[in-house]
């Protein structure tokens, strides 16, 4: 509930890359000391995966690793 004498406007803005946007690490940031951790991927493919039945049992925050990691999961 808001109160006051002046009109107030709110805008909800979300930044989602467009269909076909490939997420990838810049080549200049990858070297022997800093190897690439995730394969290049289409953002919408990941988005669909994150909300799929396949991903619903994956621990929160681990969906990207399950979807695009180049290495196996780290076990405790």
C-alpha atoms as a PDB file:
ATOM      1  CA  UNK A   1       0.000   0.000   0.000  1.00  0.00           C
ATOM      2  CA  UNK A   2       1.390   3.378  -0.968  1.00  0.00           C
ATOM      3  CA  UNK A   3       0.291   6.773   0.179  1.00  0.00           C
ATOM      4  CA  UNK A   4       1.233  10.321  -0.704  1.00  0.00           C
ATOM      5  CA  UNK A   5       0.217  13.338  -2.742  1.00  0.00           C
ATOM      6  CA  UNK A   6       2.159  12.614  -5.941  1.00  0.00           C
ATOM      7  CA  UNK A   7       1.740   9.979  -8.637  1.00  0.00           C
ATOM      8  CA  UNK A   8       4.433   7.304  -8.595  1.00  0.00           C
ATOM      9  CA  UNK A   9       5.298   4.966 -11.423  1.00  0.00           C
ATOM     10  CA  UNK A  10       7.038   1.602 -11.170  1.00  0.00           C
ATOM     11  CA  UNK A  11       8.472  -0.477 -13.966  1.00  0.00           C
ATOM     12  CA  UNK A  12       9.528  -4.091 -13.702  1.00  0.00           C
ATOM     13  CA  UNK A  13      12.359  -4.687 -16.149  1.00  0.00           C
ATOM     14  CA  UNK A  14      14.032  -8.025 -16.771  1.00  0.00           C
ATOM     15  CA  UNK A  15      17.005  -8.606 -19.027  1.00  0.00           C
ATOM     16  CA  UNK A  16      16.689 -11.872 -20.908  1.00  0.00           C
ATOM     17  CA  UNK A  17      18.844 -12.446 -23.987  1.00  0.00           C
ATOM     18  CA  UNK A  18      16.941 -12.971 -27.215  1.00  0.00           C
ATOM     19  CA  UNK A  19      16.376 -16.329 -28.870  1.00  0.00           C
ATOM     20  CA  UNK A  20      19.597 -17.608 -30.418  1.00  0.00           C
ATOM     21  CA  UNK A  21      21.919 -15.686 -28.069  1.00  0.00           C
ATOM     22  CA  UNK A  22      24.989 -17.804 -27.399  1.00  0.00           C
ATOM     23  CA  UNK A  23      26.544 -17.417 -23.952  1.00  0.00           C
ATOM     24  CA  UNK A  24      30.299 -17.970 -24.032  1.00  0.00           C
ATOM     25  CA  UNK A  25      33.449 -16.944 -22.241  1.00  0.00           C
ATOM     26  CA  UNK A  26      35.590 -14.427 -24.154  1.00  0.00           C
ATOM     27  CA  UNK A  27      38.575 -16.258 -25.668  1.00  0.00           C
ATOM     28  CA  UNK A  28      41.012 -13.733 -24.167  1.00  0.00           C
ATOM     29  CA  UNK A  29      39.945 -14.842 -20.665  1.00  0.00           C
ATOM     30  CA  UNK A  30      40.689 -18.528 -21.284  1.00  0.00           C
ATOM     31  CA  UNK A  31      44.211 -19.933 -20.910  1.00  0.00           C
ATOM     32  CA  UNK A  32      46.051 -22.804 -19.188  1.00  0.00           C
ATOM     33  CA  UNK A  33      45.677 -21.187 -15.755  1.00  0.00           C
ATOM     34  CA  UNK A  34      42.047 -20.262 -16.369  1.00  0.00           C
ATOM     35  CA  UNK A  35      40.456 -23.044 -18.437  1.00  0.00           C
ATOM     36  CA  UNK A  36      36.973 -22.809 -19.881  1.00  0.00           C
ATOM     37  CA  UNK A  37      34.518 -24.223 -17.308  1.00  0.00           C
ATOM     38  CA  UNK A  38      31.318 -24.257 -19.353  1.00  0.00           C
ATOM     39  CA  UNK A  39      30.575 -25.069 -22.965  1.00  0.00           C
ATOM     40  CA  UNK A  40      29.081 -22.333 -25.129  1.00  0.00           C
ATOM     41  CA  UNK A  41      25.280 -22.550 -25.012  1.00  0.00           C
ATOM     42  CA  UNK A  42      22.099 -20.957 -26.292  1.00  0.00           C
ATOM     43  CA  UNK A  43      20.527 -19.067 -23.394  1.00  0.00           C
ATOM     44  CA  UNK A  44      16.964 -20.144 -24.242  1.00  0.00           C
ATOM     45  CA  UNK A  45      18.030 -23.812 -24.299  1.00  0.00           C
ATOM     46  CA  UNK A  46      19.358 -23.354 -20.759  1.00  0.00           C
ATOM     47  CA  UNK A  47      16.246 -21.428 -19.690  1.00  0.00           C
ATOM     48  CA  UNK A  48      13.992 -24.234 -20.923  1.00  0.00           C
ATOM     49  CA  UNK A  49      16.214 -26.828 -19.220  1.00  0.00           C
ATOM     50  CA  UNK A  50      16.214 -24.939 -15.884  1.00  0.00           C
ATOM     51  CA  UNK A  51      12.407 -25.132 -15.734  1.00  0.00           C
ATOM     52  CA  UNK A  52      12.056 -28.658 -17.103  1.00  0.00           C
ATOM     53  CA  UNK A  53      11.145 -31.854 -15.286  1.00  0.00           C
ATOM     54  CA  UNK A  54      14.747 -33.030 -15.803  1.00  0.00           C
ATOM     55  CA  UNK A  55      16.073 -30.116 -13.743  1.00  0.00           C
ATOM     56  CA  UNK A  56      13.501 -30.026 -10.946  1.00  0.00           C
ATOM     57  CA  UNK A  57      15.516 -32.417  -8.738  1.00  0.00           C
ATOM     58  CA  UNK A  58      18.807 -30.593  -9.279  1.00  0.00           C
ATOM     59  CA  UNK A  59      19.921 -28.562  -6.277  1.00  0.00           C
ATOM     60  CA  UNK A  60      19.198 -24.850  -6.549  1.00  0.00           C
ATOM     61  CA  UNK A  61      22.092 -23.024  -8.162  1.00  0.00           C
ATOM     62  CA  UNK A  62      23.447 -26.168  -9.826  1.00  0.00           C
ATOM     63  CA  UNK A  63      21.352 -26.100 -13.002  1.00  0.00           C
ATOM     64  CA  UNK A  64      24.029 -24.329 -15.055  1.00  0.00           C
ATOM     65  CA  UNK A  65      26.632 -26.874 -13.986  1.00  0.00           C
ATOM     66  CA  UNK A  66      24.297 -29.742 -14.899  1.00  0.00           C
ATOM     67  CA  UNK A  67      23.483 -28.159 -18.261  1.00  0.00           C
ATOM     68  CA  UNK A  68      26.778 -26.788 -19.550  1.00  0.00           C
ATOM     69  CA  UNK A  69      29.729 -27.857 -17.405  1.00  0.00           C
ATOM     70  CA  UNK A  70      32.804 -29.243 -19.108  1.00  0.00           C
ATOM     71  CA  UNK A  71      33.798 -31.076 -15.904  1.00  0.00           C
ATOM     72  CA  UNK A  72      32.021 -33.567 -13.627  1.00  0.00           C
ATOM     73  CA  UNK A  73      30.299 -32.280 -10.482  1.00  0.00           C
ATOM     74  CA  UNK A  74      32.521 -31.687  -7.461  1.00  0.00           C
ATOM     75  CA  UNK A  75      31.633 -34.067  -4.627  1.00  0.00           C
ATOM     76  CA  UNK A  76      32.068 -33.191  -0.970  1.00  0.00           C
END
